Amino acid sequence: MTTYVMLANWTDQGVRNAPDSATRLDKARSALSAMGGKFSSVFLTMGAFDLVIVYEAPDDAIAARFSIQLGMLGNVRTNTLKAFPEEAYREIIASLA
């Protein structure tokens, strides 16, 4: 599976409903699981982003669908990064020589 890093910010709606955030996270985890993916780590963060979620999905299309579905709910805006593990990183760098 491919690893993705999601950087998320609460919208005004998401902040107003912050007490429900953990329940929303559980629903997001279930939605991703139904698509064949899984959360690896979830962090509440301080700084430019409110949440950082590391997850795995079978492919880019599923990762895109997951991000869009979260956005449609109106509680978060996301930026998703495709993450290459160290082994892939080393292969990519080695191919430059």
C-alpha atoms as a PDB file:
ATOM      1  CA  MET A   1       0.000   0.000   0.000  1.00  0.00           C
ATOM      2  CA  THR A   2       1.035   3.582  -0.536  1.00  0.00           C
ATOM      3  CA  THR A   3       1.602   5.953   2.394  1.00  0.00           C
ATOM      4  CA  TYR A   4       0.097   9.446   2.456  1.00  0.00           C
ATOM      5  CA  VAL A   5       0.532  12.356   4.853  1.00  0.00           C
ATOM      6  CA  MET A   6      -2.570  14.486   5.229  1.00  0.00           C
ATOM      7  CA  LEU A   7      -2.175  18.019   6.577  1.00  0.00           C
ATOM      8  CA  ALA A   8      -5.565  19.280   7.735  1.00  0.00           C
ATOM      9  CA  ASN A   9      -7.023  22.527   8.993  1.00  0.00           C
ATOM     10  CA  TRP A  10     -10.394  22.886  10.598  1.00  0.00           C
ATOM     11  CA  THR A  11     -12.841  25.114   8.773  1.00  0.00           C
ATOM     12  CA  ASP A  12     -14.976  27.587  10.735  1.00  0.00           C
ATOM     13  CA  GLN A  13     -17.603  24.845  10.919  1.00  0.00           C
ATOM     14  CA  GLY A  14     -15.033  22.318  12.134  1.00  0.00           C
ATOM     15  CA  VAL A  15     -13.803  24.610  14.916  1.00  0.00           C
ATOM     16  CA  ARG A  16     -17.356  25.435  16.029  1.00  0.00           C
ATOM     17  CA  ASN A  17     -17.963  21.693  16.313  1.00  0.00           C
ATOM     18  CA  ALA A  18     -14.570  20.825  17.830  1.00  0.00           C
ATOM     19  CA  PRO A  19     -16.144  18.799  20.664  1.00  0.00           C
ATOM     20  CA  ASP A  20     -17.381  16.368  17.972  1.00  0.00           C
ATOM     21  CA  SER A  21     -13.941  16.094  16.369  1.00  0.00           C
ATOM     22  CA  ALA A  22     -13.038  12.708  17.870  1.00  0.00           C
ATOM     23  CA  THR A  23     -16.302  11.223  16.606  1.00  0.00           C
ATOM     24  CA  ARG A  24     -15.618  12.661  13.151  1.00  0.00           C
ATOM     25  CA  LEU A  25     -12.131  11.150  13.241  1.00  0.00           C
ATOM     26  CA  ASP A  26     -13.617   7.733  14.049  1.00  0.00           C
ATOM     27  CA  LYS A  27     -16.006   8.067  11.084  1.00  0.00           C
ATOM     28  CA  ALA A  28     -13.123   9.086   8.807  1.00  0.00           C
ATOM     29  CA  ARG A  29     -11.132   6.059   9.969  1.00  0.00           C
ATOM     30  CA  SER A  30     -14.106   3.784   9.199  1.00  0.00           C
ATOM     31  CA  ALA A  31     -14.619   5.386   5.776  1.00  0.00           C
ATOM     32  CA  LEU A  32     -10.983   4.847   4.833  1.00  0.00           C
ATOM     33  CA  SER A  33     -11.102   1.285   6.120  1.00  0.00           C
ATOM     34  CA  ALA A  34     -14.130   0.598   3.915  1.00  0.00           C
ATOM     35  CA  MET A  35     -12.004   1.751   0.957  1.00  0.00           C
ATOM     36  CA  GLY A  36      -9.233  -0.682   1.889  1.00  0.00           C
ATOM     37  CA  GLY A  37      -6.974   1.821   3.677  1.00  0.00           C
ATOM     38  CA  LYS A  38      -5.943   2.424   7.263  1.00  0.00           C
ATOM     39  CA  PHE A  39      -4.687   5.176   9.534  1.00  0.00           C
ATOM     40  CA  SER A  40      -1.120   4.767  10.776  1.00  0.00           C
ATOM     41  CA  SER A  41      -0.871   7.860  13.011  1.00  0.00           C
ATOM     42  CA  VAL A  42      -2.997  10.843  13.963  1.00  0.00           C
ATOM     43  CA  PHE A  43      -1.571  13.997  15.548  1.00  0.00           C
ATOM     44  CA  LEU A  44      -3.228  17.141  16.850  1.00  0.00           C
ATOM     45  CA  THR A  45      -0.638  19.775  16.002  1.00  0.00           C
ATOM     46  CA  MET A  46       0.169  23.383  16.788  1.00  0.00           C
ATOM     47  CA  GLY A  47       1.313  25.676  14.020  1.00  0.00           C
ATOM     48  CA  ALA A  48       0.266  25.896  10.392  1.00  0.00           C
ATOM     49  CA  PHE A  49      -1.920  22.768  10.545  1.00  0.00           C
ATOM     50  CA  ASP A  50      -4.438  21.508  13.090  1.00  0.00           C
ATOM     51  CA  LEU A  51      -4.067  17.806  12.332  1.00  0.00           C
ATOM     52  CA  VAL A  52      -1.513  15.550  10.682  1.00  0.00           C
ATOM     53  CA  ILE A  53      -2.746  12.131   9.647  1.00  0.00           C
ATOM     54  CA  VAL A  54      -0.486   9.445   8.223  1.00  0.00           C
ATOM     55  CA  TYR A  55      -2.437   6.775   6.404  1.00  0.00           C
ATOM     56  CA  GLU A  56      -2.152   4.025   3.838  1.00  0.00           C
ATOM     57  CA  ALA A  57      -4.392   3.524   0.826  1.00  0.00           C
ATOM     58  CA  PRO A  58      -4.334   0.992  -2.005  1.00  0.00           C
ATOM     59  CA  ASP A  59      -3.765   3.679  -4.662  1.00  0.00           C
ATOM     60  CA  ASP A  60      -3.842   7.394  -5.499  1.00  0.00           C
ATOM     61  CA  ALA A  61      -7.464   7.291  -6.670  1.00  0.00           C
ATOM     62  CA  ILE A  62      -8.643   6.009  -3.294  1.00  0.00           C
ATOM     63  CA  ALA A  63      -6.518   8.592  -1.468  1.00  0.00           C
ATOM     64  CA  ALA A  64      -8.076  11.307  -3.645  1.00  0.00           C
ATOM     65  CA  ARG A  65     -11.601   9.998  -3.029  1.00  0.00           C
ATOM     66  CA  PHE A  66     -10.955   9.923   0.711  1.00  0.00           C
ATOM     67  CA  SER A  67      -9.698  13.539   0.735  1.00  0.00           C
ATOM     68  CA  ILE A  68     -12.618  14.749  -1.369  1.00  0.00           C
ATOM     69  CA  GLN A  69     -15.162  12.983   0.815  1.00  0.00           C
ATOM     70  CA  LEU A  70     -13.671  14.579   3.926  1.00  0.00           C
ATOM     71  CA  GLY A  71     -13.773  17.994   2.265  1.00  0.00           C
ATOM     72  CA  MET A  72     -17.416  17.519   1.263  1.00  0.00           C
ATOM     73  CA  LEU A  73     -18.356  17.256   4.941  1.00  0.00           C
ATOM     74  CA  GLY A  74     -17.157  20.836   5.482  1.00  0.00           C
ATOM     75  CA  ASN A  75     -15.168  20.362   8.692  1.00  0.00           C
ATOM     76  CA  VAL A  76     -11.603  20.269   7.320  1.00  0.00           C
ATOM     77  CA  ARG A  77      -9.539  21.421   4.379  1.00  0.00           C
ATOM     78  CA  THR A  78      -6.733  19.072   3.490  1.00  0.00           C
ATOM     79  CA  ASN A  79      -3.392  18.928   1.718  1.00  0.00           C
ATOM     80  CA  THR A  80      -2.262  15.397   0.993  1.00  0.00           C
ATOM     81  CA  LEU A  81       1.304  14.348   0.292  1.00  0.00           C
ATOM     82  CA  LYS A  82       2.306  11.038  -1.223  1.00  0.00           C
ATOM     83  CA  ALA A  83       5.121   9.657   0.915  1.00  0.00           C
ATOM     84  CA  PHE A  84       7.944   7.477  -0.374  1.00  0.00           C
ATOM     85  CA  PRO A  85       9.498   5.111   2.189  1.00  0.00           C
ATOM     86  CA  GLU A  86      13.258   5.182   2.717  1.00  0.00           C
ATOM     87  CA  GLU A  87      13.881   2.192   0.429  1.00  0.00           C
ATOM     88  CA  ALA A  88      12.085   3.929  -2.462  1.00  0.00           C
ATOM     89  CA  TYR A  89      13.863   7.170  -1.664  1.00  0.00           C
ATOM     90  CA  ARG A  90      17.227   5.414  -1.894  1.00  0.00           C
ATOM     91  CA  GLU A  91      16.283   3.778  -5.201  1.00  0.00           C
ATOM     92  CA  ILE A  92      15.175   7.102  -6.663  1.00  0.00           C
ATOM     93  CA  ILE A  93      18.357   8.860  -5.538  1.00  0.00           C
ATOM     94  CA  ALA A  94      20.563   6.002  -6.763  1.00  0.00           C
ATOM     95  CA  SER A  95      18.965   6.246 -10.209  1.00  0.00           C
ATOM     96  CA  LEU A  96      20.234   9.836 -10.514  1.00  0.00           C
ATOM     97  CA  ALA A  97      23.868   8.806 -10.729  1.00  0.00           C
END
